[in-house]
Amino acid sequence: MTDAIRPLPLFKYHPRPLETGAFETGKTVKCDCCQQATPLYYSGPFYSVENINAFCPWCIASGAAAQKFNGVFQDDASLEGVDYAFNEKGEAQGTTGAITLEQVAELVERTPGYLGWQQEHWLAHCDDFCAFVGYVGWKEIKDRLSEFADLESDCADSGLQTEDLEKVLFNNGSCQGYLFQCLHCAKYRLHIDFD
């Protein structure tokens, strides 16, 4: 079966990876994990000691890429709502919050990341990670303000006030917005980053 007709895997926390640009097209490359040629490939953030060029979506979804290269697609220190509980050997045995190790594994080992100006940060809501919707500025969110869980708090986390957004938040600008949506209540969250 060729990748051209092979269905794209479903990513719970990044449901529209083609729209967000998580996967590139335009040339055929070899996946560093399965060594198969693929016209659809990921070259975004991957934290590993290995130098990786590209992964196919299927090696990401199965967890094979993270396992083979002992790496992750999201730095687990940049996950909202996660504090680990450790056993006497220093191994994570669970989390102290409502987010489970299974949810963490799904996000960091089997979900393509996104590109941020500084450190990517994954938001959570309703005791689970949110889905990454895409890159936004004021223009993209101004008609959705009532659909946010707590936009004022999201802004405050970046040192801004909600009324500042119209003047500073531009998609592909120096002040970039990253839109997330809760998988349970459908409310939006906003992470803001500066170049």
N, C-alpha and C. Protein backbone atom coordinates (compact mmCIF):
# COMPACT_ATOMS: atom_id res chain seq x y z
N MET A 1 0.85 -1.19 0.00
CA MET A 1 0.00 0.00 0.00
C MET A 1 0.89 1.24 0.00
N THR A 2 0.61 2.18 -0.84
CA THR A 2 1.41 3.40 -0.90
C THR A 2 0.84 4.44 0.06
N ASP A 3 1.69 5.37 0.49
CA ASP A 3 1.25 6.42 1.41
C ASP A 3 0.19 7.32 0.78
N ALA A 4 0.16 7.40 -0.56
CA ALA A 4 -0.79 8.27 -1.23
C ALA A 4 -2.23 7.83 -0.97
N ILE A 5 -2.45 6.52 -0.75
CA ILE A 5 -3.81 6.04 -0.49
C ILE A 5 -3.96 5.50 0.94
N ARG A 6 -2.90 5.47 1.67
CA ARG A 6 -2.93 5.00 3.05
C ARG A 6 -3.58 6.07 3.93
N PRO A 7 -4.59 5.69 4.73
CA PRO A 7 -5.24 6.71 5.56
C PRO A 7 -4.30 7.28 6.63
N LEU A 8 -4.38 8.57 6.81
CA LEU A 8 -3.58 9.24 7.83
C LEU A 8 -4.05 8.77 9.21
N PRO A 9 -3.14 8.43 10.12
CA PRO A 9 -3.58 8.04 11.46
C PRO A 9 -4.29 9.18 12.17
N LEU A 10 -5.12 8.83 13.11
CA LEU A 10 -5.80 9.83 13.93
C LEU A 10 -4.93 10.16 15.14
N PHE A 11 -4.74 11.44 15.39
CA PHE A 11 -3.98 11.90 16.54
C PHE A 11 -4.93 12.62 17.47
N LYS A 12 -5.20 12.04 18.61
CA LYS A 12 -6.16 12.58 19.57
C LYS A 12 -5.85 14.03 19.94
N TYR A 13 -4.60 14.33 20.20
CA TYR A 13 -4.22 15.66 20.67
C TYR A 13 -3.74 16.61 19.56
N HIS A 14 -3.73 16.15 18.34
CA HIS A 14 -3.35 16.98 17.19
C HIS A 14 -4.18 16.48 16.00
N PRO A 15 -5.50 16.72 16.04
CA PRO A 15 -6.41 16.08 15.10
C PRO A 15 -6.34 16.54 13.64
N ARG A 16 -5.77 17.72 13.39
CA ARG A 16 -5.69 18.23 12.01
C ARG A 16 -4.22 18.58 11.66
N PRO A 17 -3.35 17.58 11.68
CA PRO A 17 -1.92 17.88 11.48
C PRO A 17 -1.57 18.38 10.09
N LEU A 18 -2.39 18.09 9.10
CA LEU A 18 -2.11 18.63 7.76
C LEU A 18 -2.43 20.11 7.72
N GLU A 19 -3.52 20.53 8.36
CA GLU A 19 -3.90 21.94 8.40
C GLU A 19 -2.91 22.78 9.21
N THR A 20 -2.34 22.21 10.27
CA THR A 20 -1.41 22.96 11.11
C THR A 20 0.01 22.96 10.56
N GLY A 21 0.24 22.17 9.52
CA GLY A 21 1.58 22.10 8.94
C GLY A 21 2.52 21.17 9.69
N ALA A 22 1.99 20.30 10.54
CA ALA A 22 2.85 19.37 11.28
C ALA A 22 3.56 18.40 10.34
N PHE A 23 2.90 18.09 9.22
CA PHE A 23 3.51 17.20 8.22
C PHE A 23 3.80 17.98 6.96
N GLU A 24 4.94 17.71 6.39
CA GLU A 24 5.37 18.36 5.15
C GLU A 24 5.09 17.44 3.97
N THR A 25 4.95 18.05 2.81
CA THR A 25 4.80 17.31 1.56
C THR A 25 5.67 17.99 0.52
N GLY A 26 5.61 17.53 -0.69
CA GLY A 26 6.35 18.19 -1.75
C GLY A 26 7.56 17.42 -2.22
N LYS A 27 8.01 16.49 -1.42
CA LYS A 27 9.09 15.60 -1.84
C LYS A 27 8.94 14.28 -1.09
N THR A 28 9.57 13.28 -1.57
CA THR A 28 9.54 11.98 -0.92
C THR A 28 10.85 11.82 -0.14
N VAL A 29 10.71 11.44 1.13
CA VAL A 29 11.88 11.24 1.99
C VAL A 29 11.81 9.85 2.60
N LYS A 30 12.89 9.45 3.22
CA LYS A 30 12.92 8.16 3.90
C LYS A 30 12.68 8.39 5.39
N CYS A 31 11.71 7.69 5.95
CA CYS A 31 11.43 7.77 7.39
C CYS A 31 12.61 7.19 8.15
N ASP A 32 13.12 7.94 9.12
CA ASP A 32 14.25 7.48 9.92
C ASP A 32 13.92 6.27 10.78
N CYS A 33 12.64 6.03 11.02
CA CYS A 33 12.24 4.90 11.85
C CYS A 33 12.06 3.62 11.04
N CYS A 34 11.12 3.63 10.09
CA CYS A 34 10.80 2.41 9.33
C CYS A 34 11.64 2.26 8.07
N GLN A 35 12.38 3.30 7.71
CA GLN A 35 13.24 3.32 6.52
C GLN A 35 12.47 3.22 5.20
N GLN A 36 11.15 3.49 5.25
CA GLN A 36 10.32 3.46 4.05
C GLN A 36 10.21 4.87 3.45
N ALA A 37 10.07 4.95 2.15
CA ALA A 37 9.88 6.23 1.48
C ALA A 37 8.47 6.74 1.78
N THR A 38 8.36 8.03 2.05
CA THR A 38 7.05 8.63 2.35
C THR A 38 6.97 10.05 1.78
N PRO A 39 5.84 10.37 1.11
CA PRO A 39 5.66 11.72 0.60
C PRO A 39 5.06 12.66 1.65
N LEU A 40 4.74 12.13 2.82
CA LEU A 40 4.15 12.89 3.92
C LEU A 40 5.02 12.62 5.15
N TYR A 41 5.65 13.68 5.67
CA TYR A 41 6.63 13.44 6.72
C TYR A 41 6.66 14.57 7.76
N TYR A 42 7.11 14.21 8.94
CA TYR A 42 7.23 15.11 10.07
C TYR A 42 8.70 15.45 10.27
N SER A 43 9.00 16.75 10.39
CA SER A 43 10.37 17.17 10.67
C SER A 43 10.39 18.20 11.81
N GLY A 44 9.34 18.18 12.62
CA GLY A 44 9.21 19.13 13.73
C GLY A 44 9.97 18.71 14.97
N PRO A 45 9.60 19.26 16.12
CA PRO A 45 10.32 18.98 17.36
C PRO A 45 10.30 17.50 17.74
N PHE A 46 11.48 16.98 18.03
CA PHE A 46 11.63 15.62 18.55
C PHE A 46 12.85 15.66 19.46
N TYR A 47 12.65 15.32 20.72
CA TYR A 47 13.71 15.41 21.72
C TYR A 47 14.34 14.04 21.91
N SER A 48 15.59 13.91 21.43
CA SER A 48 16.33 12.65 21.47
C SER A 48 17.80 12.97 21.33
N VAL A 49 18.65 12.04 21.73
CA VAL A 49 20.08 12.24 21.53
C VAL A 49 20.46 11.96 20.08
N GLU A 50 19.57 11.29 19.34
CA GLU A 50 19.80 10.98 17.93
C GLU A 50 19.47 12.19 17.06
N ASN A 51 20.13 12.30 15.94
CA ASN A 51 19.84 13.35 14.96
C ASN A 51 18.83 12.79 13.97
N ILE A 52 17.61 13.30 14.03
CA ILE A 52 16.51 12.78 13.22
C ILE A 52 16.15 13.80 12.14
N ASN A 53 15.92 13.31 10.92
CA ASN A 53 15.52 14.18 9.82
C ASN A 53 14.02 14.17 9.58
N ALA A 54 13.41 12.97 9.58
CA ALA A 54 11.99 12.87 9.24
C ALA A 54 11.39 11.57 9.76
N PHE A 55 10.10 11.66 10.10
CA PHE A 55 9.32 10.48 10.48
C PHE A 55 8.05 10.45 9.65
N CYS A 56 7.58 9.27 9.30
CA CYS A 56 6.28 9.16 8.66
C CYS A 56 5.21 9.22 9.76
N PRO A 57 3.98 9.61 9.41
CA PRO A 57 2.92 9.72 10.41
C PRO A 57 2.63 8.39 11.13
N TRP A 58 2.81 7.28 10.43
CA TRP A 58 2.45 5.98 10.98
C TRP A 58 3.44 5.53 12.05
N CYS A 59 4.71 5.87 11.92
CA CYS A 59 5.69 5.55 12.96
C CYS A 59 5.48 6.41 14.20
N ILE A 60 4.96 7.63 14.01
CA ILE A 60 4.63 8.47 15.16
C ILE A 60 3.42 7.89 15.88
N ALA A 61 2.36 7.61 15.14
CA ALA A 61 1.10 7.14 15.72
C ALA A 61 1.25 5.82 16.46
N SER A 62 2.09 4.95 15.96
CA SER A 62 2.27 3.64 16.60
C SER A 62 3.17 3.72 17.83
N GLY A 63 3.92 4.80 17.96
CA GLY A 63 4.88 4.92 19.05
C GLY A 63 6.24 4.35 18.70
N ALA A 64 6.37 3.78 17.49
CA ALA A 64 7.63 3.15 17.08
C ALA A 64 8.78 4.15 17.03
N ALA A 65 8.52 5.37 16.54
CA ALA A 65 9.58 6.38 16.43
C ALA A 65 10.12 6.76 17.81
N ALA A 66 9.22 7.05 18.74
CA ALA A 66 9.65 7.42 20.09
C ALA A 66 10.39 6.27 20.76
N GLN A 67 9.91 5.06 20.57
CA GLN A 67 10.54 3.90 21.20
C GLN A 67 11.92 3.63 20.60
N LYS A 68 12.00 3.61 19.27
CA LYS A 68 13.26 3.29 18.60
C LYS A 68 14.37 4.27 18.95
N PHE A 69 14.02 5.55 19.06
CA PHE A 69 15.04 6.56 19.30
C PHE A 69 15.03 7.11 20.73
N ASN A 70 14.25 6.45 21.61
CA ASN A 70 14.17 6.85 23.01
C ASN A 70 13.97 8.36 23.12
N GLY A 71 12.95 8.85 22.41
CA GLY A 71 12.70 10.28 22.36
C GLY A 71 11.23 10.61 22.55
N VAL A 72 10.95 11.91 22.55
CA VAL A 72 9.57 12.38 22.71
C VAL A 72 9.32 13.55 21.76
N PHE A 73 8.05 13.76 21.41
CA PHE A 73 7.66 14.84 20.52
C PHE A 73 7.29 16.11 21.27
N GLN A 74 7.16 16.00 22.58
CA GLN A 74 6.86 17.16 23.42
C GLN A 74 7.66 17.01 24.70
N ASP A 75 8.35 18.04 25.11
CA ASP A 75 9.10 18.02 26.37
C ASP A 75 8.12 17.89 27.52
N ASP A 76 8.22 16.81 28.29
CA ASP A 76 7.23 16.60 29.35
C ASP A 76 7.34 17.61 30.49
N ALA A 77 8.39 18.41 30.50
CA ALA A 77 8.48 19.50 31.49
C ALA A 77 7.62 20.70 31.05
N SER A 78 7.12 20.66 29.82
CA SER A 78 6.31 21.76 29.29
C SER A 78 4.86 21.34 29.08
N LEU A 79 4.40 20.43 29.91
CA LEU A 79 3.02 19.97 29.84
C LEU A 79 2.26 20.57 31.01
N GLU A 80 1.18 21.26 30.72
CA GLU A 80 0.37 21.86 31.77
C GLU A 80 -0.36 20.75 32.56
N GLY A 81 -0.37 20.90 33.87
CA GLY A 81 -1.14 19.99 34.71
C GLY A 81 -0.47 18.69 35.06
N VAL A 82 0.83 18.57 34.82
CA VAL A 82 1.50 17.30 35.10
C VAL A 82 2.58 17.50 36.16
N ASP A 83 2.40 16.83 37.26
CA ASP A 83 3.43 16.71 38.30
C ASP A 83 3.56 15.23 38.57
N TYR A 84 4.76 14.70 38.48
CA TYR A 84 4.97 13.27 38.61
C TYR A 84 5.12 12.83 40.06
N ALA A 85 4.65 11.63 40.32
CA ALA A 85 4.90 10.94 41.59
C ALA A 85 5.96 9.88 41.27
N PHE A 86 7.02 9.83 42.07
CA PHE A 86 8.13 8.92 41.79
C PHE A 86 8.22 7.83 42.85
N ASN A 87 8.70 6.65 42.43
CA ASN A 87 8.94 5.57 43.39
C ASN A 87 10.35 5.74 43.97
N GLU A 88 10.75 4.79 44.81
CA GLU A 88 12.05 4.90 45.49
C GLU A 88 13.23 4.81 44.53
N LYS A 89 13.02 4.28 43.32
CA LYS A 89 14.09 4.20 42.32
C LYS A 89 14.16 5.46 41.46
N GLY A 90 13.27 6.41 41.72
CA GLY A 90 13.26 7.64 40.95
C GLY A 90 12.49 7.53 39.64
N GLU A 91 11.73 6.45 39.46
CA GLU A 91 10.95 6.26 38.25
C GLU A 91 9.55 6.85 38.45
N ALA A 92 9.03 7.49 37.40
CA ALA A 92 7.67 8.03 37.48
C ALA A 92 6.69 6.86 37.58
N GLN A 93 5.89 6.87 38.63
CA GLN A 93 4.91 5.80 38.80
C GLN A 93 3.49 6.31 38.61
N GLY A 94 3.35 7.58 38.42
CA GLY A 94 2.05 8.18 38.20
C GLY A 94 2.19 9.69 38.24
N THR A 95 1.06 10.35 38.23
CA THR A 95 1.06 11.80 38.35
C THR A 95 0.27 12.17 39.59
N THR A 96 0.58 13.32 40.16
CA THR A 96 -0.12 13.75 41.36
C THR A 96 -1.43 14.46 41.02
N GLY A 97 -1.64 14.77 39.74
CA GLY A 97 -2.89 15.41 39.31
C GLY A 97 -3.79 14.40 38.64
N ALA A 98 -4.82 14.88 37.99
CA ALA A 98 -5.79 14.01 37.34
C ALA A 98 -5.29 13.45 36.01
N ILE A 99 -4.31 14.09 35.40
CA ILE A 99 -3.77 13.60 34.13
C ILE A 99 -2.95 12.35 34.42
N THR A 100 -3.18 11.31 33.62
CA THR A 100 -2.54 10.01 33.86
C THR A 100 -1.26 9.85 33.04
N LEU A 101 -0.46 8.87 33.43
CA LEU A 101 0.74 8.56 32.66
C LEU A 101 0.38 8.08 31.26
N GLU A 102 -0.77 7.44 31.10
CA GLU A 102 -1.21 6.99 29.78
C GLU A 102 -1.49 8.21 28.87
N GLN A 103 -2.10 9.25 29.44
CA GLN A 103 -2.34 10.47 28.66
C GLN A 103 -1.02 11.14 28.30
N VAL A 104 -0.09 11.17 29.22
CA VAL A 104 1.24 11.74 28.95
C VAL A 104 1.91 10.97 27.82
N ALA A 105 1.88 9.64 27.89
CA ALA A 105 2.50 8.81 26.86
C ALA A 105 1.87 9.05 25.50
N GLU A 106 0.54 9.14 25.46
CA GLU A 106 -0.15 9.42 24.19
C GLU A 106 0.33 10.72 23.58
N LEU A 107 0.49 11.75 24.41
CA LEU A 107 0.91 13.06 23.91
C LEU A 107 2.37 13.08 23.50
N VAL A 108 3.26 12.65 24.37
CA VAL A 108 4.69 12.84 24.10
C VAL A 108 5.29 11.78 23.19
N GLU A 109 4.69 10.58 23.15
CA GLU A 109 5.27 9.50 22.35
C GLU A 109 4.54 9.23 21.04
N ARG A 110 3.27 9.66 20.92
CA ARG A 110 2.47 9.29 19.75
C ARG A 110 1.70 10.45 19.13
N THR A 111 2.15 11.67 19.39
CA THR A 111 1.47 12.86 18.86
C THR A 111 2.50 13.81 18.25
N PRO A 112 2.32 14.21 16.99
CA PRO A 112 3.25 15.19 16.42
C PRO A 112 3.16 16.52 17.18
N GLY A 113 4.28 17.15 17.37
CA GLY A 113 4.31 18.43 18.07
C GLY A 113 3.98 19.60 17.16
N TYR A 114 4.20 20.78 17.68
CA TYR A 114 4.04 22.01 16.89
C TYR A 114 5.28 22.86 17.12
N LEU A 115 5.48 23.83 16.24
CA LEU A 115 6.66 24.69 16.33
C LEU A 115 6.30 25.99 17.04
N GLY A 116 7.05 26.34 18.07
CA GLY A 116 6.86 27.58 18.80
C GLY A 116 8.08 28.47 18.66
N TRP A 117 7.88 29.75 19.04
CA TRP A 117 9.01 30.67 19.03
C TRP A 117 10.06 30.25 20.04
N GLN A 118 9.61 29.98 21.24
CA GLN A 118 10.53 29.57 22.31
C GLN A 118 10.28 28.09 22.58
N GLN A 119 9.93 27.75 23.78
CA GLN A 119 9.62 26.37 24.16
C GLN A 119 8.12 26.11 23.94
N GLU A 120 7.80 25.08 23.20
CA GLU A 120 6.40 24.72 23.01
C GLU A 120 5.81 24.31 24.36
N HIS A 121 4.56 24.65 24.58
CA HIS A 121 3.88 24.37 25.84
C HIS A 121 2.51 23.79 25.49
N TRP A 122 2.18 22.63 26.07
CA TRP A 122 0.90 21.99 25.74
C TRP A 122 -0.08 22.22 26.88
N LEU A 123 -1.23 22.80 26.55
CA LEU A 123 -2.23 23.17 27.54
C LEU A 123 -3.19 22.01 27.84
N ALA A 124 -3.81 22.09 29.02
CA ALA A 124 -4.75 21.06 29.47
C ALA A 124 -6.04 21.72 29.96
N HIS A 125 -7.10 20.92 30.04
CA HIS A 125 -8.39 21.37 30.56
C HIS A 125 -9.25 20.15 30.80
N CYS A 126 -10.11 20.20 31.77
CA CYS A 126 -11.00 19.07 32.11
C CYS A 126 -10.21 17.78 32.34
N ASP A 127 -9.12 17.88 33.06
CA ASP A 127 -8.30 16.72 33.44
C ASP A 127 -7.75 15.93 32.27
N ASP A 128 -7.44 16.61 31.18
CA ASP A 128 -6.85 15.96 30.02
C ASP A 128 -6.11 17.04 29.22
N PHE A 129 -5.23 16.61 28.34
CA PHE A 129 -4.58 17.56 27.45
C PHE A 129 -5.58 18.04 26.41
N CYS A 130 -5.40 19.24 25.95
CA CYS A 130 -6.25 19.79 24.90
C CYS A 130 -5.69 19.37 23.53
N ALA A 131 -6.51 19.50 22.53
CA ALA A 131 -6.08 19.27 21.15
C ALA A 131 -5.48 20.57 20.60
N PHE A 132 -4.36 20.45 19.92
CA PHE A 132 -3.77 21.63 19.27
C PHE A 132 -4.57 21.91 18.01
N VAL A 133 -5.11 23.14 17.91
CA VAL A 133 -5.94 23.54 16.78
C VAL A 133 -5.10 24.25 15.72
N GLY A 134 -4.19 25.13 16.15
CA GLY A 134 -3.35 25.81 15.17
C GLY A 134 -2.78 27.13 15.67
N TYR A 135 -2.13 27.81 14.76
CA TYR A 135 -1.47 29.08 15.02
C TYR A 135 -2.46 30.21 14.77
N VAL A 136 -2.54 31.16 15.69
CA VAL A 136 -3.54 32.22 15.57
C VAL A 136 -2.98 33.57 16.00
N GLY A 137 -3.66 34.58 15.51
CA GLY A 137 -3.47 35.95 15.96
C GLY A 137 -4.83 36.48 16.40
N TRP A 138 -4.91 37.77 16.68
CA TRP A 138 -6.16 38.38 17.12
C TRP A 138 -7.26 38.18 16.09
N LYS A 139 -6.92 38.33 14.83
CA LYS A 139 -7.90 38.22 13.75
C LYS A 139 -8.61 36.86 13.78
N GLU A 140 -7.89 35.81 14.10
CA GLU A 140 -8.45 34.46 14.10
C GLU A 140 -9.29 34.14 15.34
N ILE A 141 -9.09 34.89 16.43
CA ILE A 141 -9.83 34.56 17.67
C ILE A 141 -10.86 35.61 18.09
N LYS A 142 -10.83 36.80 17.50
CA LYS A 142 -11.65 37.91 18.00
C LYS A 142 -13.14 37.60 18.01
N ASP A 143 -13.61 36.76 17.11
CA ASP A 143 -15.04 36.42 17.08
C ASP A 143 -15.37 35.19 17.92
N ARG A 144 -14.38 34.65 18.63
CA ARG A 144 -14.57 33.45 19.45
C ARG A 144 -14.32 33.70 20.95
N LEU A 145 -14.20 34.93 21.35
CA LEU A 145 -13.79 35.23 22.72
C LEU A 145 -14.67 34.56 23.77
N SER A 146 -15.96 34.44 23.49
CA SER A 146 -16.88 33.82 24.47
C SER A 146 -16.70 32.30 24.55
N GLU A 147 -15.93 31.73 23.64
CA GLU A 147 -15.73 30.28 23.60
C GLU A 147 -14.48 29.83 24.35
N PHE A 148 -13.78 30.77 24.98
CA PHE A 148 -12.57 30.43 25.73
C PHE A 148 -12.92 30.05 27.17
N ALA A 149 -12.14 29.12 27.72
CA ALA A 149 -12.34 28.70 29.11
C ALA A 149 -12.04 29.86 30.05
N ASP A 150 -10.88 30.51 29.88
CA ASP A 150 -10.49 31.63 30.73
C ASP A 150 -9.37 32.39 30.02
N LEU A 151 -9.75 33.17 29.02
CA LEU A 151 -8.76 33.89 28.21
C LEU A 151 -7.94 34.85 29.05
N GLU A 152 -8.56 35.44 30.05
CA GLU A 152 -7.84 36.38 30.92
C GLU A 152 -6.66 35.70 31.61
N SER A 153 -6.87 34.50 32.12
CA SER A 153 -5.78 33.76 32.77
C SER A 153 -4.72 33.32 31.77
N ASP A 154 -5.17 32.88 30.59
CA ASP A 154 -4.20 32.49 29.56
C ASP A 154 -3.31 33.67 29.18
N CYS A 155 -3.89 34.85 29.07
CA CYS A 155 -3.12 36.06 28.75
C CYS A 155 -2.16 36.40 29.90
N ALA A 156 -2.66 36.34 31.12
CA ALA A 156 -1.84 36.67 32.29
C ALA A 156 -0.62 35.77 32.39
N ASP A 157 -0.74 34.51 31.97
CA ASP A 157 0.40 33.59 31.98
C ASP A 157 1.53 34.08 31.10
N SER A 158 1.20 34.94 30.14
CA SER A 158 2.21 35.50 29.23
C SER A 158 2.53 36.96 29.55
N GLY A 159 1.99 37.45 30.66
CA GLY A 159 2.25 38.83 31.05
C GLY A 159 1.41 39.85 30.29
N LEU A 160 0.33 39.41 29.69
CA LEU A 160 -0.55 40.30 28.92
C LEU A 160 -1.92 40.38 29.56
N GLN A 161 -2.67 41.36 29.13
CA GLN A 161 -4.07 41.45 29.48
C GLN A 161 -4.87 41.23 28.21
N THR A 162 -6.10 40.77 28.35
CA THR A 162 -6.92 40.46 27.18
C THR A 162 -7.01 41.64 26.22
N GLU A 163 -7.14 42.84 26.76
CA GLU A 163 -7.28 44.01 25.89
C GLU A 163 -6.00 44.32 25.11
N ASP A 164 -4.86 43.71 25.48
CA ASP A 164 -3.61 43.90 24.74
C ASP A 164 -3.59 43.12 23.43
N LEU A 165 -4.36 42.06 23.36
CA LEU A 165 -4.25 41.13 22.25
C LEU A 165 -4.48 41.78 20.89
N GLU A 166 -5.44 42.67 20.79
CA GLU A 166 -5.75 43.30 19.51
C GLU A 166 -4.54 44.03 18.94
N LYS A 167 -3.70 44.57 19.83
CA LYS A 167 -2.55 45.35 19.39
C LYS A 167 -1.29 44.51 19.14
N VAL A 168 -1.15 43.37 19.81
CA VAL A 168 0.12 42.65 19.76
C VAL A 168 0.07 41.25 19.16
N LEU A 169 -1.09 40.60 19.18
CA LEU A 169 -1.17 39.19 18.77
C LEU A 169 -1.43 39.07 17.27
N PHE A 170 -0.40 38.63 16.53
CA PHE A 170 -0.51 38.46 15.08
C PHE A 170 0.00 37.08 14.69
N ASN A 171 -0.77 36.38 13.87
CA ASN A 171 -0.33 35.09 13.37
C ASN A 171 0.92 35.30 12.53
N ASN A 172 1.97 34.55 12.83
CA ASN A 172 3.29 34.68 12.21
C ASN A 172 3.97 36.00 12.58
N GLY A 173 3.55 36.61 13.68
CA GLY A 173 4.17 37.84 14.15
C GLY A 173 5.11 37.59 15.32
N SER A 174 5.60 38.66 15.89
CA SER A 174 6.51 38.54 17.04
C SER A 174 5.81 38.03 18.29
N CYS A 175 4.51 38.25 18.37
CA CYS A 175 3.68 37.71 19.46
C CYS A 175 2.72 36.73 18.81
N GLN A 176 2.98 35.44 19.01
CA GLN A 176 2.27 34.37 18.32
C GLN A 176 1.31 33.66 19.28
N GLY A 177 0.12 33.35 18.79
CA GLY A 177 -0.84 32.58 19.56
C GLY A 177 -0.91 31.15 19.08
N TYR A 178 -1.11 30.24 20.03
CA TYR A 178 -1.26 28.81 19.75
C TYR A 178 -2.59 28.40 20.35
N LEU A 179 -3.52 28.00 19.51
CA LEU A 179 -4.88 27.72 19.95
C LEU A 179 -5.06 26.23 20.25
N PHE A 180 -5.64 25.97 21.41
CA PHE A 180 -5.94 24.61 21.85
C PHE A 180 -7.43 24.54 22.14
N GLN A 181 -7.98 23.32 22.06
CA GLN A 181 -9.40 23.12 22.38
C GLN A 181 -9.55 21.90 23.27
N CYS A 182 -10.34 22.08 24.33
CA CYS A 182 -10.60 20.99 25.27
C CYS A 182 -11.35 19.88 24.55
N LEU A 183 -10.93 18.65 24.76
CA LEU A 183 -11.57 17.50 24.13
C LEU A 183 -12.90 17.14 24.80
N HIS A 184 -13.15 17.72 25.98
CA HIS A 184 -14.33 17.33 26.74
C HIS A 184 -15.42 18.40 26.74
N CYS A 185 -15.06 19.66 26.99
CA CYS A 185 -16.07 20.73 27.03
C CYS A 185 -16.03 21.62 25.79
N ALA A 186 -15.05 21.42 24.93
CA ALA A 186 -14.88 22.15 23.67
C ALA A 186 -14.48 23.62 23.85
N LYS A 187 -14.17 24.05 25.07
CA LYS A 187 -13.70 25.42 25.28
C LYS A 187 -12.27 25.56 24.75
N TYR A 188 -11.94 26.78 24.34
CA TYR A 188 -10.61 27.05 23.81
C TYR A 188 -9.67 27.51 24.92
N ARG A 189 -8.38 27.27 24.68
CA ARG A 189 -7.28 27.79 25.52
C ARG A 189 -6.28 28.43 24.57
N LEU A 190 -5.53 29.41 25.08
CA LEU A 190 -4.56 30.11 24.26
C LEU A 190 -3.20 30.14 24.95
N HIS A 191 -2.19 29.68 24.26
CA HIS A 191 -0.81 29.85 24.71
C HIS A 191 -0.21 30.95 23.85
N ILE A 192 0.53 31.86 24.46
CA ILE A 192 1.13 32.99 23.75
C ILE A 192 2.63 32.94 23.94
N ASP A 193 3.34 33.20 22.87
CA ASP A 193 4.80 33.12 22.89
C ASP A 193 5.35 34.31 22.10
N PHE A 194 6.55 34.71 22.46
CA PHE A 194 7.20 35.86 21.82
C PHE A 194 8.51 35.43 21.18
N ASP A 195 8.86 36.07 20.04
CA ASP A 195 10.13 35.70 19.39
C ASP A 195 11.31 36.33 20.11
